[in-house]
Every structure is written in C-alpha cells, then in structure tokens.
C-alpha cells in the first residue's frame, strides 16, 4: 500500500513540474496587457446588461407560534367555500 502511494505522489510531482514548465513557456508569449483584458465585459451587448442580484438575506430561524385555524377564520371574516357538488371533503390533521 505504501509503495502505491509513493508512486502516485511521484507521478503527481512530475505532472506538477510539467504544468509549471508549460505555464512559464506560455508566459513568454502572452503579454500582460492581453491577460488584463480577459476580465473585461463581453463585447456582446446582450450580456453587458446582465446583472447578478445581491445575495439573499438569511435571518436566524424564528419559531412561529401556533394559531387555531377556526379562530383565524372568525377574525378575518373568511366565508366557507360553496361547492357545486354535494361531496364533502374530510380533513385529516395528524399534527393535532
């Protein structure tokens, strides 16, 4: 097991050295001015108008108080639904 890990580490080190050599080689041909322009806005007008919203405001969780639905109906003067057919809907409240 130790031998496999050491071989993998040696392989990764060689890849790392090779990548750095490629970066140094490419840096000789790329001017600094060209790199700075890579972060500019795109030339297409449609994408210039694109804006990202601010991150959402996350507040700590606040426990809501339980309210009685019958009392809310009375307080807000909510009328019952008038159904066209005579079938009644049964409500199963498992949390009560």
C-alpha atoms as a PDB file:
ATOM      1  CA  UNK A   1       0.000   0.000   0.000  1.00  0.00           C
ATOM      2  CA  UNK A   2       2.807   2.373   0.917  1.00  0.00           C
ATOM      3  CA  UNK A   3       4.549   1.683  -2.383  1.00  0.00           C
ATOM      4  CA  UNK A   4       1.430   2.571  -4.394  1.00  0.00           C
ATOM      5  CA  UNK A   5       1.023   5.860  -2.548  1.00  0.00           C
ATOM      6  CA  UNK A   6       4.665   6.787  -3.084  1.00  0.00           C
ATOM      7  CA  UNK A   7       4.387   6.025  -6.813  1.00  0.00           C
ATOM      8  CA  UNK A   8       1.248   8.182  -7.085  1.00  0.00           C
ATOM      9  CA  UNK A   9       2.955  11.062  -5.252  1.00  0.00           C
ATOM     10  CA  UNK A  10       5.980  10.875  -7.549  1.00  0.00           C
ATOM     11  CA  UNK A  11       3.693  10.862 -10.581  1.00  0.00           C
ATOM     12  CA  UNK A  12       1.778  13.903  -9.311  1.00  0.00           C
ATOM     13  CA  UNK A  13       5.023  15.760  -8.639  1.00  0.00           C
ATOM     14  CA  UNK A  14       6.185  15.134 -12.215  1.00  0.00           C
ATOM     15  CA  UNK A  15       2.847  16.365 -13.559  1.00  0.00           C
ATOM     16  CA  UNK A  16       3.112  19.463 -11.367  1.00  0.00           C
ATOM     17  CA  UNK A  17       6.605  20.249 -12.678  1.00  0.00           C
ATOM     18  CA  UNK A  18       5.434  19.731 -16.247  1.00  0.00           C
ATOM     19  CA  UNK A  19       2.480  22.087 -15.749  1.00  0.00           C
ATOM     20  CA  UNK A  20       4.774  24.783 -14.346  1.00  0.00           C
ATOM     21  CA  UNK A  21       7.088  24.421 -17.336  1.00  0.00           C
ATOM     22  CA  UNK A  22       4.113  24.888 -19.659  1.00  0.00           C
ATOM     23  CA  UNK A  23       2.994  27.982 -17.737  1.00  0.00           C
ATOM     24  CA  UNK A  24       6.474  29.512 -17.910  1.00  0.00           C
ATOM     25  CA  UNK A  25       6.694  28.713 -21.623  1.00  0.00           C
ATOM     26  CA  UNK A  26       3.311  30.289 -22.359  1.00  0.00           C
ATOM     27  CA  UNK A  27       4.018  33.338 -20.222  1.00  0.00           C
ATOM     28  CA  UNK A  28       6.852  34.266 -22.582  1.00  0.00           C
ATOM     29  CA  UNK A  29       4.396  34.620 -25.473  1.00  0.00           C
ATOM     30  CA  UNK A  30       1.468  36.249 -23.680  1.00  0.00           C
ATOM     31  CA  UNK A  31       1.720  39.922 -22.845  1.00  0.00           C
ATOM     32  CA  UNK A  32       0.459  41.316 -19.549  1.00  0.00           C
ATOM     33  CA  UNK A  33      -1.960  43.642 -21.362  1.00  0.00           C
ATOM     34  CA  UNK A  34      -3.669  40.678 -23.008  1.00  0.00           C
ATOM     35  CA  UNK A  35      -4.202  38.983 -19.662  1.00  0.00           C
ATOM     36  CA  UNK A  36      -5.775  42.105 -18.153  1.00  0.00           C
ATOM     37  CA  UNK A  37      -8.344  42.277 -20.946  1.00  0.00           C
ATOM     38  CA  UNK A  38      -9.596  38.771 -20.242  1.00  0.00           C
ATOM     39  CA  UNK A  39     -11.609  40.021 -17.256  1.00  0.00           C
ATOM     40  CA  UNK A  40     -13.397  42.760 -19.207  1.00  0.00           C
ATOM     41  CA  UNK A  41     -17.060  42.630 -20.024  1.00  0.00           C
ATOM     42  CA  UNK A  42     -18.030  40.646 -23.104  1.00  0.00           C
ATOM     43  CA  UNK A  43     -18.438  42.529 -26.342  1.00  0.00           C
ATOM     44  CA  UNK A  44     -21.943  41.231 -26.931  1.00  0.00           C
ATOM     45  CA  UNK A  45     -24.442  43.911 -25.865  1.00  0.00           C
ATOM     46  CA  UNK A  46     -26.942  41.383 -24.509  1.00  0.00           C
ATOM     47  CA  UNK A  47     -24.505  40.191 -21.882  1.00  0.00           C
ATOM     48  CA  UNK A  48     -23.448  43.667 -20.815  1.00  0.00           C
ATOM     49  CA  UNK A  49     -26.897  44.234 -19.360  1.00  0.00           C
ATOM     50  CA  UNK A  50     -26.721  41.070 -17.284  1.00  0.00           C
ATOM     51  CA  UNK A  51     -26.511  41.795 -13.558  1.00  0.00           C
ATOM     52  CA  UNK A  52     -26.304  39.438 -10.637  1.00  0.00           C
ATOM     53  CA  UNK A  53     -28.630  40.012  -7.694  1.00  0.00           C
ATOM     54  CA  UNK A  54     -27.341  40.633  -4.217  1.00  0.00           C
ATOM     55  CA  UNK A  55     -27.133  37.514  -2.069  1.00  0.00           C
ATOM     56  CA  UNK A  56     -30.234  36.667  -0.079  1.00  0.00           C
ATOM     57  CA  UNK A  57     -30.521  37.992   3.448  1.00  0.00           C
ATOM     58  CA  UNK A  58     -30.573  34.990   5.719  1.00  0.00           C
ATOM     59  CA  UNK A  59     -32.001  35.587   9.143  1.00  0.00           C
ATOM     60  CA  UNK A  60     -31.914  33.142  12.018  1.00  0.00           C
ATOM     61  CA  UNK A  61     -34.839  30.748  12.232  1.00  0.00           C
ATOM     62  CA  UNK A  62     -37.708  32.158  14.254  1.00  0.00           C
ATOM     63  CA  UNK A  63     -40.166  29.666  15.671  1.00  0.00           C
ATOM     64  CA  UNK A  64     -43.679  30.555  14.632  1.00  0.00           C
ATOM     65  CA  UNK A  65     -46.469  30.462  17.130  1.00  0.00           C
ATOM     66  CA  UNK A  66     -49.260  28.005  16.508  1.00  0.00           C
ATOM     67  CA  UNK A  67     -52.620  29.523  15.736  1.00  0.00           C
ATOM     68  CA  UNK A  68     -56.036  27.959  15.724  1.00  0.00           C
ATOM     69  CA  UNK A  69     -57.445  27.893  12.197  1.00  0.00           C
ATOM     70  CA  UNK A  70     -61.035  28.304  13.455  1.00  0.00           C
ATOM     71  CA  UNK A  71     -60.087  31.477  15.280  1.00  0.00           C
ATOM     72  CA  UNK A  72     -58.291  32.816  12.190  1.00  0.00           C
ATOM     73  CA  UNK A  73     -61.420  32.209  10.098  1.00  0.00           C
ATOM     74  CA  UNK A  74     -63.525  34.161  12.576  1.00  0.00           C
ATOM     75  CA  UNK A  75     -61.018  37.015  12.935  1.00  0.00           C
ATOM     76  CA  UNK A  76     -60.515  37.507   9.193  1.00  0.00           C
ATOM     77  CA  UNK A  77     -64.181  37.009   8.285  1.00  0.00           C
ATOM     78  CA  UNK A  78     -63.440  34.220   5.813  1.00  0.00           C
ATOM     79  CA  UNK A  79     -66.524  32.676   4.251  1.00  0.00           C
ATOM     80  CA  UNK A  80     -66.762  28.951   3.565  1.00  0.00           C
ATOM     81  CA  UNK A  81     -66.391  27.667   0.023  1.00  0.00           C
ATOM     82  CA  UNK A  82     -69.619  26.987  -1.834  1.00  0.00           C
ATOM     83  CA  UNK A  83     -69.221  23.647  -3.554  1.00  0.00           C
ATOM     84  CA  UNK A  84     -71.201  22.770  -6.653  1.00  0.00           C
ATOM     85  CA  UNK A  85     -71.455  19.106  -5.887  1.00  0.00           C
ATOM     86  CA  UNK A  86     -72.642  17.615  -2.634  1.00  0.00           C
ATOM     87  CA  UNK A  87     -69.442  15.732  -1.834  1.00  0.00           C
ATOM     88  CA  UNK A  88     -67.747  16.750   1.368  1.00  0.00           C
ATOM     89  CA  UNK A  89     -64.010  16.813   1.921  1.00  0.00           C
ATOM     90  CA  UNK A  90     -62.734  15.235   5.101  1.00  0.00           C
ATOM     91  CA  UNK A  91     -59.656  16.779   6.648  1.00  0.00           C
ATOM     92  CA  UNK A  92     -57.188  14.575   8.443  1.00  0.00           C
ATOM     93  CA  UNK A  93     -54.995  16.528  10.788  1.00  0.00           C
ATOM     94  CA  UNK A  94     -52.241  14.309  12.037  1.00  0.00           C
ATOM     95  CA  UNK A  95     -50.423  17.073  13.912  1.00  0.00           C
ATOM     96  CA  UNK A  96     -53.366  17.900  16.190  1.00  0.00           C
END
